[in-house]
C-alpha atoms as a PDB file:
ATOM      1  CA  MET A   1     -10.654  24.717  -0.995  1.00  0.00           C
ATOM      2  CA  THR A   2      -9.494  22.483  -3.762  1.00  0.00           C
ATOM      3  CA  ARG A   3      -6.014  22.559  -5.181  1.00  0.00           C
ATOM      4  CA  THR A   4      -7.042  23.194  -8.783  1.00  0.00           C
ATOM      5  CA  HIS A   5     -10.085  23.960 -10.845  1.00  0.00           C
ATOM      6  CA  THR A   6      -9.827  20.779 -12.925  1.00  0.00           C
ATOM      7  CA  ASN A   7     -11.611  17.492 -12.416  1.00  0.00           C
ATOM      8  CA  ILE A   8      -9.056  16.710  -9.708  1.00  0.00           C
ATOM      9  CA  ARG A   9     -11.367  18.779  -7.500  1.00  0.00           C
ATOM     10  CA  GLU A  10     -12.782  15.608  -5.955  1.00  0.00           C
ATOM     11  CA  GLY A  11      -9.329  14.209  -5.273  1.00  0.00           C
ATOM     12  CA  GLY A  12      -8.413  12.561  -8.538  1.00  0.00           C
ATOM     13  CA  ARG A  13      -9.096   8.962  -9.423  1.00  0.00           C
ATOM     14  CA  LEU A  14     -11.075   7.202  -6.733  1.00  0.00           C
ATOM     15  CA  ARG A  15      -8.843   4.121  -6.930  1.00  0.00           C
ATOM     16  CA  PHE A  16      -5.985   6.213  -5.552  1.00  0.00           C
ATOM     17  CA  LEU A  17      -7.992   8.245  -3.048  1.00  0.00           C
ATOM     18  CA  ALA A  18      -7.708   7.534   0.668  1.00  0.00           C
ATOM     19  CA  PRO A  19     -10.934   5.945   1.926  1.00  0.00           C
ATOM     20  CA  GLU A  20     -11.521   8.659   4.512  1.00  0.00           C
ATOM     21  CA  LEU A  21     -11.782  11.205   1.677  1.00  0.00           C
ATOM     22  CA  SER A  22     -14.380   9.368  -0.378  1.00  0.00           C
ATOM     23  CA  TYR A  23     -17.364   9.965   1.917  1.00  0.00           C
ATOM     24  CA  GLY A  24     -18.396  13.234   0.303  1.00  0.00           C
ATOM     25  CA  GLN A  25     -17.475  16.894   0.134  1.00  0.00           C
ATOM     26  CA  GLU A  26     -18.106  17.676   3.800  1.00  0.00           C
ATOM     27  CA  SER A  27     -15.388  15.247   4.862  1.00  0.00           C
ATOM     28  CA  PHE A  28     -12.994  16.056   2.010  1.00  0.00           C
ATOM     29  CA  ARG A  29      -9.879  17.446   3.682  1.00  0.00           C
ATOM     30  CA  THR A  30      -6.570  16.101   2.479  1.00  0.00           C
ATOM     31  CA  THR A  31      -3.949  15.365   5.116  1.00  0.00           C
ATOM     32  CA  THR A  32      -0.434  14.024   5.105  1.00  0.00           C
ATOM     33  CA  ALA A  33      -1.919  10.623   5.974  1.00  0.00           C
ATOM     34  CA  SER A  34      -4.295  10.727   2.984  1.00  0.00           C
ATOM     35  CA  ASP A  35      -1.405  11.767   0.738  1.00  0.00           C
ATOM     36  CA  VAL A  36       0.666   8.824   2.030  1.00  0.00           C
ATOM     37  CA  TYR A  37      -2.217   6.456   1.200  1.00  0.00           C
ATOM     38  CA  SER A  38      -2.491   7.866  -2.335  1.00  0.00           C
ATOM     39  CA  LEU A  39       1.269   7.618  -2.757  1.00  0.00           C
ATOM     40  CA  ALA A  40       1.089   3.946  -1.761  1.00  0.00           C
ATOM     41  CA  MET A  41      -1.510   3.323  -4.451  1.00  0.00           C
ATOM     42  CA  THR A  42       0.691   5.148  -6.952  1.00  0.00           C
ATOM     43  CA  PHE A  43       3.720   3.050  -5.952  1.00  0.00           C
ATOM     44  CA  PHE A  44       1.569  -0.076  -6.244  1.00  0.00           C
ATOM     45  CA  ASN A  45       0.544   0.957  -9.758  1.00  0.00           C
ATOM     46  CA  LEU A  46       4.098   1.802 -10.832  1.00  0.00           C
ATOM     47  CA  SER A  47       5.764  -1.258  -9.326  1.00  0.00           C
ATOM     48  CA  THR A  48       3.213  -3.842 -10.469  1.00  0.00           C
ATOM     49  CA  LEU A  49       1.811  -2.165 -13.587  1.00  0.00           C
ATOM     50  CA  CYS A  50      -1.638  -3.018 -12.174  1.00  0.00           C
ATOM     51  CA  LEU A  51      -4.392  -0.595 -11.218  1.00  0.00           C
ATOM     52  CA  PRO A  52      -5.370  -0.637  -7.556  1.00  0.00           C
ATOM     53  CA  PHE A  53      -8.568  -2.673  -7.191  1.00  0.00           C
ATOM     54  CA  GLU A  54      -8.508  -3.643 -10.859  1.00  0.00           C
ATOM     55  CA  GLU A  55     -10.957  -6.437 -10.064  1.00  0.00           C
ATOM     56  CA  HIS A  56     -13.561  -3.676  -9.617  1.00  0.00           C
ATOM     57  CA  HIS A  57     -14.625  -2.287 -12.969  1.00  0.00           C
ATOM     58  CA  SER A  58     -15.852   1.076 -11.717  1.00  0.00           C
ATOM     59  CA  GLU A  59     -14.094   3.765  -9.734  1.00  0.00           C
ATOM     60  CA  TRP A  60     -17.019   3.858  -7.285  1.00  0.00           C
ATOM     61  CA  ALA A  61     -16.813   0.126  -6.606  1.00  0.00           C
ATOM     62  CA  ALA A  62     -13.064   0.487  -6.015  1.00  0.00           C
ATOM     63  CA  ALA A  63     -13.671   3.349  -3.564  1.00  0.00           C
ATOM     64  CA  GLU A  64     -16.302   1.315  -1.730  1.00  0.00           C
ATOM     65  CA  ALA A  65     -13.897  -1.616  -1.447  1.00  0.00           C
ATOM     66  CA  ALA A  66     -11.279   0.693   0.089  1.00  0.00           C
ATOM     67  CA  ARG A  67     -13.856   2.079   2.554  1.00  0.00           C
ATOM     68  CA  ARG A  68     -14.595  -1.511   3.627  1.00  0.00           C
ATOM     69  CA  GLY A  69     -10.874  -1.994   4.344  1.00  0.00           C
ATOM     70  CA  GLN A  70      -9.930  -3.976   1.267  1.00  0.00           C
ATOM     71  CA  ARG A  71      -6.528  -3.348  -0.273  1.00  0.00           C
ATOM     72  CA  PRO A  72      -4.827  -4.509  -3.471  1.00  0.00           C
ATOM     73  CA  GLN A  73      -3.750  -8.133  -3.511  1.00  0.00           C
ATOM     74  CA  GLN A  74      -0.046  -8.893  -3.621  1.00  0.00           C
ATOM     75  CA  VAL A  75       1.188  -9.934  -7.019  1.00  0.00           C
ATOM     76  CA  ASN A  76       4.350 -11.685  -8.122  1.00  0.00           C
ATOM     77  CA  ALA A  77       7.418  -9.500  -7.890  1.00  0.00           C
ATOM     78  CA  PRO A  78       8.196  -7.735 -11.154  1.00  0.00           C
ATOM     79  CA  ARG A  79      11.559  -8.805 -12.554  1.00  0.00           C
ATOM     80  CA  PHE A  80      13.001  -5.296 -12.272  1.00  0.00           C
ATOM     81  CA  LEU A  81      12.286  -5.290  -8.509  1.00  0.00           C
ATOM     82  CA  ALA A  82      13.347  -8.855  -7.742  1.00  0.00           C
ATOM     83  CA  GLY A  83      14.904  -8.974  -4.295  1.00  0.00           C
ATOM     84  CA  TYR A  84      13.403  -5.616  -3.314  1.00  0.00           C
ATOM     85  CA  PHE A  85       9.703  -6.179  -3.777  1.00  0.00           C
ATOM     86  CA  SER A  86       9.075  -7.906  -0.445  1.00  0.00           C
ATOM     87  CA  LYS A  87      10.366  -4.910   1.512  1.00  0.00           C
ATOM     88  CA  LEU A  88       8.558  -2.496  -0.792  1.00  0.00           C
ATOM     89  CA  TRP A  89       5.317  -4.448  -0.297  1.00  0.00           C
ATOM     90  CA  ASP A  90       5.734  -4.229   3.489  1.00  0.00           C
ATOM     91  CA  LEU A  91       6.068  -0.455   3.146  1.00  0.00           C
ATOM     92  CA  LEU A  92       2.950  -0.242   0.970  1.00  0.00           C
ATOM     93  CA  VAL A  93       0.955  -2.205   3.533  1.00  0.00           C
ATOM     94  CA  MET A  94       1.952   0.321   6.217  1.00  0.00           C
ATOM     95  CA  MET A  95       1.199   3.272   3.926  1.00  0.00           C
ATOM     96  CA  TRP A  96      -2.359   2.168   3.115  1.00  0.00           C
ATOM     97  CA  GLU A  97      -3.395   1.263   6.671  1.00  0.00           C
ATOM     98  CA  HIS A  98      -7.086   1.936   7.213  1.00  0.00           C
ATOM     99  CA  ASP A  99      -6.367   3.725  10.508  1.00  0.00           C
ATOM    100  CA  THR A 100      -4.886   7.048   9.409  1.00  0.00           C
ATOM    101  CA  SER A 101      -2.830   7.413  12.601  1.00  0.00           C
ATOM    102  CA  SER A 102      -1.072   4.110  11.812  1.00  0.00           C
ATOM    103  CA  ARG A 103       0.273   5.307   8.455  1.00  0.00           C
ATOM    104  CA  PRO A 104       3.924   6.401   8.403  1.00  0.00           C
ATOM    105  CA  THR A 105       4.836  10.025   7.903  1.00  0.00           C
ATOM    106  CA  ALA A 106       6.103  11.218   4.545  1.00  0.00           C
ATOM    107  CA  ALA A 107       9.596  11.568   6.029  1.00  0.00           C
ATOM    108  CA  ALA A 108       9.493   7.965   7.273  1.00  0.00           C
ATOM    109  CA  VAL A 109       8.370   6.800   3.823  1.00  0.00           C
ATOM    110  CA  ALA A 110      11.284   8.659   2.215  1.00  0.00           C
ATOM    111  CA  LEU A 111      13.768   7.022   4.585  1.00  0.00           C
ATOM    112  CA  CYS A 112      12.321   3.565   3.940  1.00  0.00           C
ATOM    113  CA  LEU A 113      12.457   4.110   0.193  1.00  0.00           C
ATOM    114  CA  GLN A 114      16.106   5.150   0.408  1.00  0.00           C
ATOM    115  CA  GLU A 115      16.844   2.004   2.377  1.00  0.00           C
ATOM    116  CA  ILE A 116      14.862  -0.289   0.054  1.00  0.00           C
ATOM    117  CA  LEU A 117      15.664   1.200  -3.341  1.00  0.00           C
ATOM    118  CA  GLY A 118      19.036   2.785  -2.592  1.00  0.00           C
ATOM    119  CA  PRO A 119      20.966  -0.166  -4.031  1.00  0.00           C
ATOM    120  CA  LEU A 120      19.122   0.300  -7.339  1.00  0.00           C
ATOM    121  CA  ILE A 121      20.137   3.947  -7.660  1.00  0.00           C
ATOM    122  CA  PRO A 122      23.755   4.653  -8.609  1.00  0.00           C
ATOM    123  CA  SER A 123      25.647   6.877  -6.217  1.00  0.00           C
ATOM    124  CA  ASN A 124      27.242  10.111  -7.422  1.00  0.00           C
ATOM    125  CA  ALA A 125      30.592   8.317  -7.725  1.00  0.00           C
ATOM    126  CA  GLN A 126      29.073   5.674 -10.017  1.00  0.00           C
ATOM    127  CA  ARG A 127      27.287   8.137 -12.300  1.00  0.00           C
ATOM    128  CA  ASP A 128      28.758   9.573 -15.420  1.00  0.00           C
ATOM    129  CA  ASN A 129      31.566  11.910 -14.302  1.00  0.00           C
ATOM    130  CA  THR A 130      30.975  14.427 -17.074  1.00  0.00           C
ATOM    131  CA  PRO A 131      29.989  17.896 -15.873  1.00  0.00           C
ATOM    132  CA  PRO A 132      26.341  18.952 -16.369  1.00  0.00           C
END
């Protein structure tokens, strides 16, 4: 079963789709590991403002590159992530591992993100003290 009746039926944009899901409908079963891979590609896109596999002009070529084990190339750290990007990149590399059993769990990703990005997020004491 698919999650919706829209064109996301095939798993959304192929650039963000875990390689194990892009072999056809028979093998299309999302898992936590495939979601972690897609989340890594989303984080890559948001943190670099680059599309995953942007060197490939078609979605199908990008999916084929992922199936062959290619991953996005590291780019220079964006200014807004200076000092944090190296650790974030290390997390992305773990999240998009080709071997699905080597990818971290969603809970492990959340903990890593808190550790990496926590200093960028003001604590409750630092936020505006006005009531909601």
